[in-house]
């Protein structure tokens, strides 16, 4: 069980808090998280249910490509990342937010 919890903490890295995510939370009871690029919807659902003791009704994901940044003549690239929008069932909430 401890091994599973460690994996769940690796999947749910941190909340993604923006004005848009706050409005989404109020409108459809959805919470946004940053997750690894290789995480799938089933793993994300299991992790949220296990870590926060809630029931998930839907998981939507999107992948963002890292932006190219320059500093003088040197060009670099920010890493790619993935966001998961987790919709909870009616009456469920996560206390962190």
PDB file of N, CA and C in Angstrom:
ATOM      1  N   UNK A   1       0.824  -1.198   0.000  1.00  0.00           N
ATOM      2  CA  UNK A   1       0.000   0.000   0.000  1.00  0.00           C
ATOM      3  C   UNK A   1       0.864   1.256   0.000  1.00  0.00           C
ATOM      4  N   UNK A   2       1.974   1.233   0.710  1.00  0.00           N
ATOM      5  CA  UNK A   2       2.853   2.401   0.753  1.00  0.00           C
ATOM      6  C   UNK A   2       3.440   2.681  -0.615  1.00  0.00           C
ATOM      7  N   UNK A   3       3.739   1.622  -1.365  1.00  0.00           N
ATOM      8  CA  UNK A   3       4.278   1.793  -2.701  1.00  0.00           C
ATOM      9  C   UNK A   3       3.248   2.486  -3.601  1.00  0.00           C
ATOM     10  N   UNK A   4       1.964   2.133  -3.451  1.00  0.00           N
ATOM     11  CA  UNK A   4       0.914   2.779  -4.233  1.00  0.00           C
ATOM     12  C   UNK A   4       0.790   4.247  -3.860  1.00  0.00           C
ATOM     13  N   UNK A   5       0.853   4.581  -2.577  1.00  0.00           N
ATOM     14  CA  UNK A   5       0.747   5.975  -2.156  1.00  0.00           C
ATOM     15  C   UNK A   5       1.911   6.796  -2.706  1.00  0.00           C
ATOM     16  N   UNK A   6       3.097   6.208  -2.727  1.00  0.00           N
ATOM     17  CA  UNK A   6       4.240   6.919  -3.304  1.00  0.00           C
ATOM     18  C   UNK A   6       3.997   7.216  -4.776  1.00  0.00           C
ATOM     19  N   UNK A   7       3.452   6.255  -5.496  1.00  0.00           N
ATOM     20  CA  UNK A   7       3.152   6.465  -6.914  1.00  0.00           C
ATOM     21  C   UNK A   7       2.067   7.532  -7.088  1.00  0.00           C
ATOM     22  N   UNK A   8       1.055   7.526  -6.209  1.00  0.00           N
ATOM     23  CA  UNK A   8      -0.008   8.521  -6.294  1.00  0.00           C
ATOM     24  C   UNK A   8       0.526   9.928  -6.067  1.00  0.00           C
ATOM     25  N   UNK A   9       1.455  10.064  -5.130  1.00  0.00           N
ATOM     26  CA  UNK A   9       2.055  11.381  -4.891  1.00  0.00           C
ATOM     27  C   UNK A   9       2.929  11.813  -6.064  1.00  0.00           C
ATOM     28  N   UNK A  10       3.488  10.870  -6.815  1.00  0.00           N
ATOM     29  CA  UNK A  10       4.249  11.219  -8.003  1.00  0.00           C
ATOM     30  C   UNK A  10       3.333  11.637  -9.144  1.00  0.00           C
ATOM     31  N   UNK A  11       2.121  11.094  -9.184  1.00  0.00           N
ATOM     32  CA  UNK A  11       1.185  11.445 -10.253  1.00  0.00           C
ATOM     33  C   UNK A  11       0.585  12.823 -10.017  1.00  0.00           C
ATOM     34  N   UNK A  12       0.085  13.068  -8.817  1.00  0.00           N
ATOM     35  CA  UNK A  12      -0.509  14.375  -8.493  1.00  0.00           C
ATOM     36  C   UNK A  12       0.610  15.248  -7.951  1.00  0.00           C
ATOM     37  N   UNK A  13       1.230  16.036  -8.832  1.00  0.00           N
ATOM     38  CA  UNK A  13       2.393  16.823  -8.433  1.00  0.00           C
ATOM     39  C   UNK A  13       2.013  18.053  -7.630  1.00  0.00           C
ATOM     40  N   UNK A  14       1.080  18.842  -8.164  1.00  0.00           N
ATOM     41  CA  UNK A  14       0.662  20.045  -7.452  1.00  0.00           C
ATOM     42  C   UNK A  14      -0.613  20.562  -8.091  1.00  0.00           C
ATOM     43  N   UNK A  15      -1.378  21.368  -7.367  1.00  0.00           N
ATOM     44  CA  UNK A  15      -2.566  21.963  -7.981  1.00  0.00           C
ATOM     45  C   UNK A  15      -2.160  23.038  -8.977  1.00  0.00           C
ATOM     46  N   UNK A  16      -2.976  23.204  -9.981  1.00  0.00           N
ATOM     47  CA  UNK A  16      -2.747  24.243 -10.989  1.00  0.00           C
ATOM     48  C   UNK A  16      -3.782  25.339 -10.728  1.00  0.00           C
ATOM     49  N   UNK A  17      -3.381  26.364  -9.989  1.00  0.00           N
ATOM     50  CA  UNK A  17      -4.310  27.405  -9.569  1.00  0.00           C
ATOM     51  C   UNK A  17      -4.182  28.636 -10.447  1.00  0.00           C
ATOM     52  N   UNK A  18      -5.246  28.931 -11.174  1.00  0.00           N
ATOM     53  CA  UNK A  18      -5.338  30.142 -11.972  1.00  0.00           C
ATOM     54  C   UNK A  18      -6.763  30.677 -11.804  1.00  0.00           C
ATOM     55  N   UNK A  19      -7.011  31.830 -12.366  1.00  0.00           N
ATOM     56  CA  UNK A  19      -8.362  32.385 -12.309  1.00  0.00           C
ATOM     57  C   UNK A  19      -9.342  31.485 -13.059  1.00  0.00           C
ATOM     58  N   UNK A  20      -8.893  30.947 -14.175  1.00  0.00           N
ATOM     59  CA  UNK A  20      -9.744  30.062 -14.974  1.00  0.00           C
ATOM     60  C   UNK A  20     -10.060  28.766 -14.227  1.00  0.00           C
ATOM     61  N   UNK A  21      -9.075  28.215 -13.518  1.00  0.00           N
ATOM     62  CA  UNK A  21      -9.322  26.984 -12.774  1.00  0.00           C
ATOM     63  C   UNK A  21     -10.250  27.222 -11.582  1.00  0.00           C
ATOM     64  N   UNK A  22     -10.149  28.401 -10.976  1.00  0.00           N
ATOM     65  CA  UNK A  22     -11.045  28.741  -9.874  1.00  0.00           C
ATOM     66  C   UNK A  22     -12.483  28.868 -10.370  1.00  0.00           C
ATOM     67  N   UNK A  23     -12.676  29.486 -11.519  1.00  0.00           N
ATOM     68  CA  UNK A  23     -14.017  29.594 -12.103  1.00  0.00           C
ATOM     69  C   UNK A  23     -14.560  28.222 -12.479  1.00  0.00           C
ATOM     70  N   UNK A  24     -13.707  27.347 -12.982  1.00  0.00           N
ATOM     71  CA  UNK A  24     -14.111  25.996 -13.331  1.00  0.00           C
ATOM     72  C   UNK A  24     -14.514  25.212 -12.086  1.00  0.00           C
ATOM     73  N   UNK A  25     -13.814  25.452 -10.999  1.00  0.00           N
ATOM     74  CA  UNK A  25     -14.143  24.806  -9.730  1.00  0.00           C
ATOM     75  C   UNK A  25     -15.547  25.204  -9.286  1.00  0.00           C
ATOM     76  N   UNK A  26     -15.868  26.479  -9.381  1.00  0.00           N
ATOM     77  CA  UNK A  26     -17.185  26.950  -8.958  1.00  0.00           C
ATOM     78  C   UNK A  26     -18.286  26.511  -9.922  1.00  0.00           C
ATOM     79  N   UNK A  27     -17.982  26.485 -11.217  1.00  0.00           N
ATOM     80  CA  UNK A  27     -19.004  26.182 -12.222  1.00  0.00           C
ATOM     81  C   UNK A  27     -19.361  24.701 -12.279  1.00  0.00           C
ATOM     82  N   UNK A  28     -18.348  23.809 -12.281  1.00  0.00           N
ATOM     83  CA  UNK A  28     -18.648  22.382 -12.466  1.00  0.00           C
ATOM     84  C   UNK A  28     -17.923  21.473 -11.491  1.00  0.00           C
ATOM     85  N   UNK A  29     -17.458  22.017 -10.377  1.00  0.00           N
ATOM     86  CA  UNK A  29     -16.819  21.229  -9.314  1.00  0.00           C
ATOM     87  C   UNK A  29     -15.611  20.468  -9.846  1.00  0.00           C
ATOM     88  N   UNK A  30     -14.764  21.170 -10.632  1.00  0.00           N
ATOM     89  CA  UNK A  30     -13.578  20.564 -11.228  1.00  0.00           C
ATOM     90  C   UNK A  30     -12.326  21.144 -10.586  1.00  0.00           C
ATOM     91  N   UNK A  31     -11.341  20.301 -10.356  1.00  0.00           N
ATOM     92  CA  UNK A  31     -10.078  20.706  -9.763  1.00  0.00           C
ATOM     93  C   UNK A  31      -8.965  20.402 -10.751  1.00  0.00           C
ATOM     94  N   UNK A  32      -8.004  21.318 -10.881  1.00  0.00           N
ATOM     95  CA  UNK A  32      -6.929  21.179 -11.863  1.00  0.00           C
ATOM     96  C   UNK A  32      -5.624  20.821 -11.163  1.00  0.00           C
ATOM     97  N   UNK A  33      -4.884  19.882 -11.760  1.00  0.00           N
ATOM     98  CA  UNK A  33      -3.614  19.426 -11.204  1.00  0.00           C
ATOM     99  C   UNK A  33      -2.570  19.346 -12.307  1.00  0.00           C
ATOM    100  N   UNK A  34      -1.296  19.575 -11.945  1.00  0.00           N
ATOM    101  CA  UNK A  34      -0.172  19.279 -12.836  1.00  0.00           C
ATOM    102  C   UNK A  34       0.184  17.823 -12.615  1.00  0.00           C
ATOM    103  N   UNK A  35       0.334  17.089 -13.711  1.00  0.00           N
ATOM    104  CA  UNK A  35       0.645  15.662 -13.638  1.00  0.00           C
ATOM    105  C   UNK A  35       1.782  15.353 -14.606  1.00  0.00           C
ATOM    106  N   UNK A  36       2.438  14.198 -14.478  1.00  0.00           N
ATOM    107  CA  UNK A  36       3.488  13.826 -15.431  1.00  0.00           C
ATOM    108  C   UNK A  36       2.918  13.645 -16.835  1.00  0.00           C
ATOM    109  N   UNK A  37       3.743  13.844 -17.828  1.00  0.00           N
ATOM    110  CA  UNK A  37       3.309  13.746 -19.219  1.00  0.00           C
ATOM    111  C   UNK A  37       2.884  12.316 -19.561  1.00  0.00           C
ATOM    112  N   UNK A  38       3.456  11.319 -18.907  1.00  0.00           N
ATOM    113  CA  UNK A  38       3.122   9.930 -19.228  1.00  0.00           C
ATOM    114  C   UNK A  38       1.973   9.365 -18.391  1.00  0.00           C
ATOM    115  N   UNK A  39       1.361  10.164 -17.526  1.00  0.00           N
ATOM    116  CA  UNK A  39       0.236   9.686 -16.708  1.00  0.00           C
ATOM    117  C   UNK A  39      -1.025   9.614 -17.556  1.00  0.00           C
ATOM    118  N   UNK A  40      -1.827   8.560 -17.358  1.00  0.00           N
ATOM    119  CA  UNK A  40      -3.079   8.445 -18.102  1.00  0.00           C
ATOM    120  C   UNK A  40      -4.264   8.740 -17.178  1.00  0.00           C
ATOM    121  N   UNK A  41      -5.451   8.798 -17.770  1.00  0.00           N
ATOM    122  CA  UNK A  41      -6.647   9.203 -17.026  1.00  0.00           C
ATOM    123  C   UNK A  41      -7.003   8.222 -15.913  1.00  0.00           C
ATOM    124  N   UNK A  42      -6.788   6.950 -16.131  1.00  0.00           N
ATOM    125  CA  UNK A  42      -7.112   5.944 -15.112  1.00  0.00           C
ATOM    126  C   UNK A  42      -6.214   6.113 -13.901  1.00  0.00           C
ATOM    127  N   UNK A  43      -4.919   6.313 -14.120  1.00  0.00           N
ATOM    128  CA  UNK A  43      -3.988   6.533 -13.007  1.00  0.00           C
ATOM    129  C   UNK A  43      -4.332   7.807 -12.253  1.00  0.00           C
ATOM    130  N   UNK A  44      -4.694   8.853 -12.972  1.00  0.00           N
ATOM    131  CA  UNK A  44      -5.034  10.124 -12.328  1.00  0.00           C
ATOM    132  C   UNK A  44      -6.283   9.963 -11.474  1.00  0.00           C
ATOM    133  N   UNK A  45      -7.295   9.263 -12.007  1.00  0.00           N
ATOM    134  CA  UNK A  45      -8.529   9.025 -11.245  1.00  0.00           C
ATOM    135  C   UNK A  45      -8.239   8.254  -9.958  1.00  0.00           C
ATOM    136  N   UNK A  46      -7.458   7.175 -10.049  1.00  0.00           N
ATOM    137  CA  UNK A  46      -7.125   6.364  -8.867  1.00  0.00           C
ATOM    138  C   UNK A  46      -6.352   7.185  -7.843  1.00  0.00           C
ATOM    139  N   UNK A  47      -5.425   8.013  -8.299  1.00  0.00           N
ATOM    140  CA  UNK A  47      -4.609   8.807  -7.388  1.00  0.00           C
ATOM    141  C   UNK A  47      -5.453   9.823  -6.635  1.00  0.00           C
ATOM    142  N   UNK A  48      -6.345  10.522  -7.331  1.00  0.00           N
ATOM    143  CA  UNK A  48      -7.191  11.532  -6.677  1.00  0.00           C
ATOM    144  C   UNK A  48      -8.129  10.862  -5.686  1.00  0.00           C
ATOM    145  N   UNK A  49      -8.722   9.734  -6.064  1.00  0.00           N
ATOM    146  CA  UNK A  49      -9.633   9.044  -5.157  1.00  0.00           C
ATOM    147  C   UNK A  49      -8.915   8.534  -3.920  1.00  0.00           C
ATOM    148  N   UNK A  50      -7.694   8.047  -4.076  1.00  0.00           N
ATOM    149  CA  UNK A  50      -6.958   7.499  -2.935  1.00  0.00           C
ATOM    150  C   UNK A  50      -6.414   8.598  -2.024  1.00  0.00           C
ATOM    151  N   UNK A  51      -5.890   9.676  -2.607  1.00  0.00           N
ATOM    152  CA  UNK A  51      -5.250  10.715  -1.799  1.00  0.00           C
ATOM    153  C   UNK A  51      -6.247  11.620  -1.098  1.00  0.00           C
ATOM    154  N   UNK A  52      -7.384  11.913  -1.737  1.00  0.00           N
ATOM    155  CA  UNK A  52      -8.315  12.889  -1.184  1.00  0.00           C
ATOM    156  C   UNK A  52      -9.625  12.283  -0.698  1.00  0.00           C
ATOM    157  N   UNK A  53      -9.812  10.979  -0.825  1.00  0.00           N
ATOM    158  CA  UNK A  53     -11.019  10.266  -0.382  1.00  0.00           C
ATOM    159  C   UNK A  53     -12.283  10.888  -0.967  1.00  0.00           C
ATOM    160  N   UNK A  54     -12.307  11.042  -2.282  1.00  0.00           N
ATOM    161  CA  UNK A  54     -13.464  11.584  -2.990  1.00  0.00           C
ATOM    162  C   UNK A  54     -13.802  10.650  -4.150  1.00  0.00           C
ATOM    163  N   UNK A  55     -14.977  10.866  -4.755  1.00  0.00           N
ATOM    164  CA  UNK A  55     -15.378  10.095  -5.925  1.00  0.00           C
ATOM    165  C   UNK A  55     -15.277  10.983  -7.158  1.00  0.00           C
ATOM    166  N   UNK A  56     -14.576  10.509  -8.164  1.00  0.00           N
ATOM    167  CA  UNK A  56     -14.344  11.257  -9.385  1.00  0.00           C
ATOM    168  C   UNK A  56     -15.363  10.833 -10.432  1.00  0.00           C
ATOM    169  N   UNK A  57     -15.973  11.824 -11.105  1.00  0.00           N
ATOM    170  CA  UNK A  57     -16.923  11.496 -12.165  1.00  0.00           C
ATOM    171  C   UNK A  57     -16.286  11.581 -13.546  1.00  0.00           C
ATOM    172  N   UNK A  58     -15.281  12.461 -13.743  1.00  0.00           N
ATOM    173  CA  UNK A  58     -14.647  12.587 -15.055  1.00  0.00           C
ATOM    174  C   UNK A  58     -13.234  13.126 -14.895  1.00  0.00           C
ATOM    175  N   UNK A  59     -12.374  12.742 -15.830  1.00  0.00           N
ATOM    176  CA  UNK A  59     -11.003  13.257 -15.884  1.00  0.00           C
ATOM    177  C   UNK A  59     -10.734  13.706 -17.311  1.00  0.00           C
ATOM    178  N   UNK A  60     -10.378  14.958 -17.483  1.00  0.00           N
ATOM    179  CA  UNK A  60      -9.964  15.490 -18.779  1.00  0.00           C
ATOM    180  C   UNK A  60      -8.506  15.891 -18.665  1.00  0.00           C
ATOM    181  N   UNK A  61      -7.740  15.690 -19.729  1.00  0.00           N
ATOM    182  CA  UNK A  61      -6.326  16.047 -19.707  1.00  0.00           C
ATOM    183  C   UNK A  61      -5.982  16.877 -20.934  1.00  0.00           C
ATOM    184  N   UNK A  62      -4.914  17.646 -20.802  1.00  0.00           N
ATOM    185  CA  UNK A  62      -4.369  18.353 -21.944  1.00  0.00           C
ATOM    186  C   UNK A  62      -2.871  18.448 -21.784  1.00  0.00           C
ATOM    187  N   UNK A  63      -2.186  18.437 -22.940  1.00  0.00           N
ATOM    188  CA  UNK A  63      -0.725  18.520 -22.945  1.00  0.00           C
ATOM    189  C   UNK A  63      -0.321  19.878 -23.464  1.00  0.00           C
ATOM    190  N   UNK A  64       0.633  20.501 -22.792  1.00  0.00           N
ATOM    191  CA  UNK A  64       1.143  21.805 -23.199  1.00  0.00           C
ATOM    192  C   UNK A  64       2.594  21.638 -23.635  1.00  0.00           C
ATOM    193  N   UNK A  65       2.922  22.230 -24.767  1.00  0.00           N
ATOM    194  CA  UNK A  65       4.287  22.207 -25.265  1.00  0.00           C
ATOM    195  C   UNK A  65       5.062  23.333 -24.619  1.00  0.00           C
ATOM    196  N   UNK A  66       6.274  23.049 -24.163  1.00  0.00           N
ATOM    197  CA  UNK A  66       7.103  24.060 -23.529  1.00  0.00           C
ATOM    198  C   UNK A  66       7.503  25.155 -24.506  1.00  0.00           C
ATOM    199  N   UNK A  67       7.569  26.372 -23.999  1.00  0.00           N
ATOM    200  CA  UNK A  67       7.915  27.510 -24.847  1.00  0.00           C
ATOM    201  C   UNK A  67       9.421  27.583 -25.065  1.00  0.00           C
ATOM    202  N   UNK A  68       9.797  28.123 -26.204  1.00  0.00           N
ATOM    203  CA  UNK A  68      11.203  28.362 -26.493  1.00  0.00           C
ATOM    204  C   UNK A  68      11.568  29.708 -25.890  1.00  0.00           C
ATOM    205  N   UNK A  69      12.636  29.754 -25.129  1.00  0.00           N
ATOM    206  CA  UNK A  69      13.101  30.974 -24.468  1.00  0.00           C
ATOM    207  C   UNK A  69      14.519  31.272 -24.903  1.00  0.00           C
ATOM    208  N   UNK A  70      14.838  32.554 -24.989  1.00  0.00           N
ATOM    209  CA  UNK A  70      16.183  32.963 -25.394  1.00  0.00           C
ATOM    210  C   UNK A  70      16.802  33.811 -24.292  1.00  0.00           C
ATOM    211  N   UNK A  71      18.084  33.658 -24.149  1.00  0.00           N
ATOM    212  CA  UNK A  71      18.875  34.528 -23.283  1.00  0.00           C
ATOM    213  C   UNK A  71      20.136  34.855 -24.072  1.00  0.00           C
ATOM    214  N   UNK A  72      20.114  36.009 -24.714  1.00  0.00           N
ATOM    215  CA  UNK A  72      21.218  36.368 -25.585  1.00  0.00           C
ATOM    216  C   UNK A  72      21.214  35.499 -26.827  1.00  0.00           C
ATOM    217  N   UNK A  73      22.347  34.905 -27.131  1.00  0.00           N
ATOM    218  CA  UNK A  73      22.449  34.042 -28.301  1.00  0.00           C
ATOM    219  C   UNK A  73      22.028  32.606 -28.008  1.00  0.00           C
ATOM    220  N   UNK A  74      21.825  32.285 -26.766  1.00  0.00           N
ATOM    221  CA  UNK A  74      21.513  30.908 -26.376  1.00  0.00           C
ATOM    222  C   UNK A  74      19.997  30.732 -26.338  1.00  0.00           C
ATOM    223  N   UNK A  75      19.511  29.733 -27.044  1.00  0.00           N
ATOM    224  CA  UNK A  75      18.087  29.408 -27.038  1.00  0.00           C
ATOM    225  C   UNK A  75      17.883  28.132 -26.229  1.00  0.00           C
ATOM    226  N   UNK A  76      16.850  28.137 -25.440  1.00  0.00           N
ATOM    227  CA  UNK A  76      16.517  26.957 -24.651  1.00  0.00           C
ATOM    228  C   UNK A  76      15.025  26.700 -24.756  1.00  0.00           C
ATOM    229  N   UNK A  77      14.575  25.636 -24.128  1.00  0.00           N
ATOM    230  CA  UNK A  77      13.173  25.278 -24.190  1.00  0.00           C
ATOM    231  C   UNK A  77      12.697  24.870 -22.815  1.00  0.00           C
ATOM    232  N   UNK A  78      11.538  25.404 -22.417  1.00  0.00           N
ATOM    233  CA  UNK A  78      10.932  24.982 -21.159  1.00  0.00           C
ATOM    234  C   UNK A  78      10.343  23.582 -21.354  1.00  0.00           C
ATOM    235  N   UNK A  79      10.214  22.806 -20.294  1.00  0.00           N
ATOM    236  CA  UNK A  79       9.734  21.430 -20.461  1.00  0.00           C
ATOM    237  C   UNK A  79       8.249  21.376 -20.830  1.00  0.00           C
ATOM    238  N   UNK A  80       7.865  20.295 -21.509  1.00  0.00           N
ATOM    239  CA  UNK A  80       6.457  20.032 -21.782  1.00  0.00           C
ATOM    240  C   UNK A  80       5.796  19.616 -20.475  1.00  0.00           C
ATOM    241  N   UNK A  81       4.486  19.877 -20.354  1.00  0.00           N
ATOM    242  CA  UNK A  81       3.780  19.496 -19.140  1.00  0.00           C
ATOM    243  C   UNK A  81       2.346  19.112 -19.471  1.00  0.00           C
ATOM    244  N   UNK A  82       1.704  18.488 -18.498  1.00  0.00           N
ATOM    245  CA  UNK A  82       0.351  17.996 -18.691  1.00  0.00           C
ATOM    246  C   UNK A  82      -0.519  18.466 -17.541  1.00  0.00           C
ATOM    247  N   UNK A  83      -1.759  18.840 -17.859  1.00  0.00           N
ATOM    248  CA  UNK A  83      -2.716  19.288 -16.849  1.00  0.00           C
ATOM    249  C   UNK A  83      -3.901  18.333 -16.854  1.00  0.00           C
ATOM    250  N   UNK A  84      -4.371  17.987 -15.656  1.00  0.00           N
ATOM    251  CA  UNK A  84      -5.549  17.134 -15.513  1.00  0.00           C
ATOM    252  C   UNK A  84      -6.654  17.940 -14.844  1.00  0.00           C
ATOM    253  N   UNK A  85      -7.835  17.925 -15.452  1.00  0.00           N
ATOM    254  CA  UNK A  85      -9.006  18.583 -14.881  1.00  0.00           C
ATOM    255  C   UNK A  85      -9.932  17.490 -14.363  1.00  0.00           C
ATOM    256  N   UNK A  86     -10.027  17.377 -13.050  1.00  0.00           N
ATOM    257  CA  UNK A  86     -10.752  16.291 -12.404  1.00  0.00           C
ATOM    258  C   UNK A  86     -12.089  16.829 -11.909  1.00  0.00           C
ATOM    259  N   UNK A  87     -13.180  16.273 -12.420  1.00  0.00           N
ATOM    260  CA  UNK A  87     -14.521  16.664 -11.997  1.00  0.00           C
ATOM    261  C   UNK A  87     -14.998  15.677 -10.949  1.00  0.00           C
ATOM    262  N   UNK A  88     -15.435  16.204  -9.824  1.00  0.00           N
ATOM    263  CA  UNK A  88     -15.909  15.364  -8.729  1.00  0.00           C
ATOM    264  C   UNK A  88     -17.418  15.212  -8.781  1.00  0.00           C
ATOM    265  N   UNK A  89     -17.920  14.152  -8.153  1.00  0.00           N
ATOM    266  CA  UNK A  89     -19.362  13.933  -8.095  1.00  0.00           C
ATOM    267  C   UNK A  89     -20.010  14.990  -7.213  1.00  0.00           C
ATOM    268  N   UNK A  90     -21.311  15.138  -7.368  1.00  0.00           N
ATOM    269  CA  UNK A  90     -22.084  16.150  -6.646  1.00  0.00           C
ATOM    270  C   UNK A  90     -21.904  16.003  -5.135  1.00  0.00           C
ATOM    271  N   UNK A  91     -21.618  17.098  -4.464  1.00  0.00           N
ATOM    272  CA  UNK A  91     -21.451  17.102  -3.011  1.00  0.00           C
ATOM    273  C   UNK A  91     -20.041  16.803  -2.544  1.00  0.00           C
ATOM    274  N   UNK A  92     -19.133  16.402  -3.423  1.00  0.00           N
ATOM    275  CA  UNK A  92     -17.747  16.098  -3.075  1.00  0.00           C
ATOM    276  C   UNK A  92     -16.906  17.357  -3.203  1.00  0.00           C
ATOM    277  N   UNK A  93     -15.881  17.484  -2.388  1.00  0.00           N
ATOM    278  CA  UNK A  93     -14.958  18.604  -2.494  1.00  0.00           C
ATOM    279  C   UNK A  93     -13.604  18.195  -1.963  1.00  0.00           C
ATOM    280  N   UNK A  94     -12.587  18.959  -2.331  1.00  0.00           N
ATOM    281  CA  UNK A  94     -11.225  18.750  -1.844  1.00  0.00           C
ATOM    282  C   UNK A  94     -10.896  19.950  -0.979  1.00  0.00           C
ATOM    283  N   UNK A  95     -10.471  19.706   0.257  1.00  0.00           N
ATOM    284  CA  UNK A  95     -10.296  20.777   1.234  1.00  0.00           C
ATOM    285  C   UNK A  95      -9.060  21.645   0.988  1.00  0.00           C
ATOM    286  N   UNK A  96      -8.110  21.190   0.190  1.00  0.00           N
ATOM    287  CA  UNK A  96      -6.905  21.972  -0.060  1.00  0.00           C
ATOM    288  C   UNK A  96      -7.245  23.281  -0.726  1.00  0.00           C
ATOM    289  N   UNK A  97      -8.245  23.254  -1.604  1.00  0.00           N
ATOM    290  CA  UNK A  97      -8.595  24.451  -2.347  1.00  0.00           C
ATOM    291  C   UNK A  97      -9.517  25.292  -1.501  1.00  0.00           C
TER     292      UNK A  97
END
